[in-house]
Amino acid sequence: MRLTFTAPLWRWSSRSDSWWFVTVPPEQSDELAELPLPPRGFGSIRVTATIGTTTWSTSVFPSDEQRGYVLPVKKAVRAAEGVADGGTVTVTLEPVR
């Protein structure tokens, strides 16, 4: 399975740390939720993520607040792809079984 979508980056701040995420749209979040995968911590799903030419291994996490899964996007990826904080990105996700 391969999911591709375009969405804005958004910032979540906790204490002095800032984290940037992309929310997986509802339709694609539903597809991820239906995958027959073994349970993982926090309901996460291991994925290979790609933005532009940068590909990395990570996990998406369910978020009640965002009403779907969220993908953390580290600073190195944003810098490599020239994405300004808060910019819009096209993401490809491939669940890892």
C-alpha atoms as a PDB file:
ATOM      1  CA  MET A   1       0.000   0.000   0.000  1.00  0.00           C
ATOM      2  CA  ARG A   2       1.226   3.464  -0.874  1.00  0.00           C
ATOM      3  CA  LEU A   3      -0.598   6.645   0.193  1.00  0.00           C
ATOM      4  CA  THR A   4       0.192  10.069  -1.262  1.00  0.00           C
ATOM      5  CA  PHE A   5      -1.326  13.341  -0.093  1.00  0.00           C
ATOM      6  CA  THR A   6      -0.570  17.049   0.249  1.00  0.00           C
ATOM      7  CA  ALA A   7      -1.017  18.794   3.593  1.00  0.00           C
ATOM      8  CA  PRO A   8       0.399  21.660   5.654  1.00  0.00           C
ATOM      9  CA  LEU A   9       3.024  21.286   8.352  1.00  0.00           C
ATOM     10  CA  TRP A  10       1.862  22.362  11.787  1.00  0.00           C
ATOM     11  CA  ARG A  11       3.719  22.966  15.015  1.00  0.00           C
ATOM     12  CA  TRP A  12       3.075  21.367  18.392  1.00  0.00           C
ATOM     13  CA  SER A  13       4.929  22.850  21.317  1.00  0.00           C
ATOM     14  CA  SER A  14       5.550  21.029  24.541  1.00  0.00           C
ATOM     15  CA  ARG A  15       7.619  22.747  27.180  1.00  0.00           C
ATOM     16  CA  SER A  16      10.619  24.181  25.311  1.00  0.00           C
ATOM     17  CA  ASP A  17      10.566  21.582  22.502  1.00  0.00           C
ATOM     18  CA  SER A  18       8.872  22.224  19.179  1.00  0.00           C
ATOM     19  CA  TRP A  19       7.709  19.394  16.985  1.00  0.00           C
ATOM     20  CA  TRP A  20       6.384  19.649  13.431  1.00  0.00           C
ATOM     21  CA  PHE A  21       3.782  17.290  12.030  1.00  0.00           C
ATOM     22  CA  VAL A  22       1.659  16.655   8.971  1.00  0.00           C
ATOM     23  CA  THR A  23      -1.863  15.354   9.529  1.00  0.00           C
ATOM     24  CA  VAL A  24      -2.784  12.398   7.343  1.00  0.00           C
ATOM     25  CA  PRO A  25      -6.155  13.247   5.714  1.00  0.00           C
ATOM     26  CA  PRO A  26      -9.250  11.383   6.981  1.00  0.00           C
ATOM     27  CA  GLU A  27      -9.610   9.002   4.018  1.00  0.00           C
ATOM     28  CA  GLN A  28      -5.971   7.896   4.192  1.00  0.00           C
ATOM     29  CA  SER A  29      -6.123   7.734   8.016  1.00  0.00           C
ATOM     30  CA  ASP A  30      -9.083   5.358   7.679  1.00  0.00           C
ATOM     31  CA  GLU A  31      -7.068   3.165   5.305  1.00  0.00           C
ATOM     32  CA  LEU A  32      -4.187   3.039   7.798  1.00  0.00           C
ATOM     33  CA  ALA A  33      -6.540   2.213  10.676  1.00  0.00           C
ATOM     34  CA  GLU A  34      -7.917  -0.772   8.748  1.00  0.00           C
ATOM     35  CA  LEU A  35      -4.512  -2.398   8.159  1.00  0.00           C
ATOM     36  CA  PRO A  36      -4.158  -5.807   9.823  1.00  0.00           C
ATOM     37  CA  LEU A  37      -0.956  -4.998  11.701  1.00  0.00           C
ATOM     38  CA  PRO A  38       0.206  -6.157  15.122  1.00  0.00           C
ATOM     39  CA  PRO A  39      -0.438  -3.617  17.895  1.00  0.00           C
ATOM     40  CA  ARG A  40       2.357  -1.149  18.658  1.00  0.00           C
ATOM     41  CA  GLY A  41       2.921   1.458  21.337  1.00  0.00           C
ATOM     42  CA  PHE A  42       0.496   4.377  21.333  1.00  0.00           C
ATOM     43  CA  GLY A  43      -1.328   2.792  18.359  1.00  0.00           C
ATOM     44  CA  SER A  44       1.527   3.786  16.050  1.00  0.00           C
ATOM     45  CA  ILE A  45       2.113   2.335  12.597  1.00  0.00           C
ATOM     46  CA  ARG A  46       5.638   1.979  11.214  1.00  0.00           C
ATOM     47  CA  VAL A  47       6.026   3.649   7.816  1.00  0.00           C
ATOM     48  CA  THR A  48       8.542   4.693   5.245  1.00  0.00           C
ATOM     49  CA  ALA A  49       7.848   8.369   4.545  1.00  0.00           C
ATOM     50  CA  THR A  50       8.958  10.454   1.586  1.00  0.00           C
ATOM     51  CA  ILE A  51       8.846  14.210   1.097  1.00  0.00           C
ATOM     52  CA  GLY A  52      10.495  15.360  -2.116  1.00  0.00           C
ATOM     53  CA  THR A  53      13.657  13.281  -2.502  1.00  0.00           C
ATOM     54  CA  THR A  54      14.041  12.584   1.221  1.00  0.00           C
ATOM     55  CA  THR A  55      12.910   9.181   2.478  1.00  0.00           C
ATOM     56  CA  TRP A  56      13.103   8.023   6.097  1.00  0.00           C
ATOM     57  CA  SER A  57      11.739   5.389   8.463  1.00  0.00           C
ATOM     58  CA  THR A  58       9.376   6.596  11.166  1.00  0.00           C
ATOM     59  CA  SER A  59       5.904   5.986  12.559  1.00  0.00           C
ATOM     60  CA  VAL A  60       2.554   7.717  12.294  1.00  0.00           C
ATOM     61  CA  PHE A  61       0.514   8.146  15.461  1.00  0.00           C
ATOM     62  CA  PRO A  62      -3.240   8.375  16.006  1.00  0.00           C
ATOM     63  CA  SER A  63      -4.433  11.763  17.230  1.00  0.00           C
ATOM     64  CA  ASP A  64      -7.930  12.388  18.528  1.00  0.00           C
ATOM     65  CA  GLU A  65      -7.254  16.115  18.357  1.00  0.00           C
ATOM     66  CA  GLN A  66      -6.308  15.925  14.655  1.00  0.00           C
ATOM     67  CA  ARG A  67      -8.952  13.265  13.903  1.00  0.00           C
ATOM     68  CA  GLY A  68      -6.542  10.918  12.185  1.00  0.00           C
ATOM     69  CA  TYR A  69      -2.901   9.949  12.115  1.00  0.00           C
ATOM     70  CA  VAL A  70      -0.042  12.427  12.339  1.00  0.00           C
ATOM     71  CA  LEU A  71       3.441  12.163  10.831  1.00  0.00           C
ATOM     72  CA  PRO A  72       6.353  13.789  12.681  1.00  0.00           C
ATOM     73  CA  VAL A  73       8.642  15.696  10.275  1.00  0.00           C
ATOM     74  CA  LYS A  74      12.081  16.320  11.716  1.00  0.00           C
ATOM     75  CA  LYS A  75      14.114  19.442  11.080  1.00  0.00           C
ATOM     76  CA  ALA A  76      16.657  17.604   8.909  1.00  0.00           C
ATOM     77  CA  VAL A  77      13.894  16.619   6.465  1.00  0.00           C
ATOM     78  CA  ARG A  78      12.446  20.135   6.369  1.00  0.00           C
ATOM     79  CA  ALA A  79      15.932  21.573   5.774  1.00  0.00           C
ATOM     80  CA  ALA A  80      16.863  19.021   3.096  1.00  0.00           C
ATOM     81  CA  GLU A  81      13.661  19.756   1.189  1.00  0.00           C
ATOM     82  CA  GLY A  82      13.720  23.520   1.706  1.00  0.00           C
ATOM     83  CA  VAL A  83      10.331  23.448   3.392  1.00  0.00           C
ATOM     84  CA  ALA A  84       9.610  26.498   5.495  1.00  0.00           C
ATOM     85  CA  ASP A  85       8.085  25.790   8.864  1.00  0.00           C
ATOM     86  CA  GLY A  86       4.354  25.806   8.296  1.00  0.00           C
ATOM     87  CA  GLY A  87       4.681  25.144   4.554  1.00  0.00           C
ATOM     88  CA  THR A  88       2.707  22.611   2.554  1.00  0.00           C
ATOM     89  CA  VAL A  89       4.280  19.291   1.574  1.00  0.00           C
ATOM     90  CA  THR A  90       3.427  16.276  -0.547  1.00  0.00           C
ATOM     91  CA  VAL A  91       3.949  13.087   1.433  1.00  0.00           C
ATOM     92  CA  THR A  92       4.112   9.449   0.388  1.00  0.00           C
ATOM     93  CA  LEU A  93       3.642   6.849   3.123  1.00  0.00           C
ATOM     94  CA  GLU A  94       4.256   3.125   2.832  1.00  0.00           C
ATOM     95  CA  PRO A  95       3.322   1.034   5.883  1.00  0.00           C
ATOM     96  CA  VAL A  96       6.035  -1.385   7.007  1.00  0.00           C
ATOM     97  CA  ARG A  97       4.783  -4.816   7.947  1.00  0.00           C
END
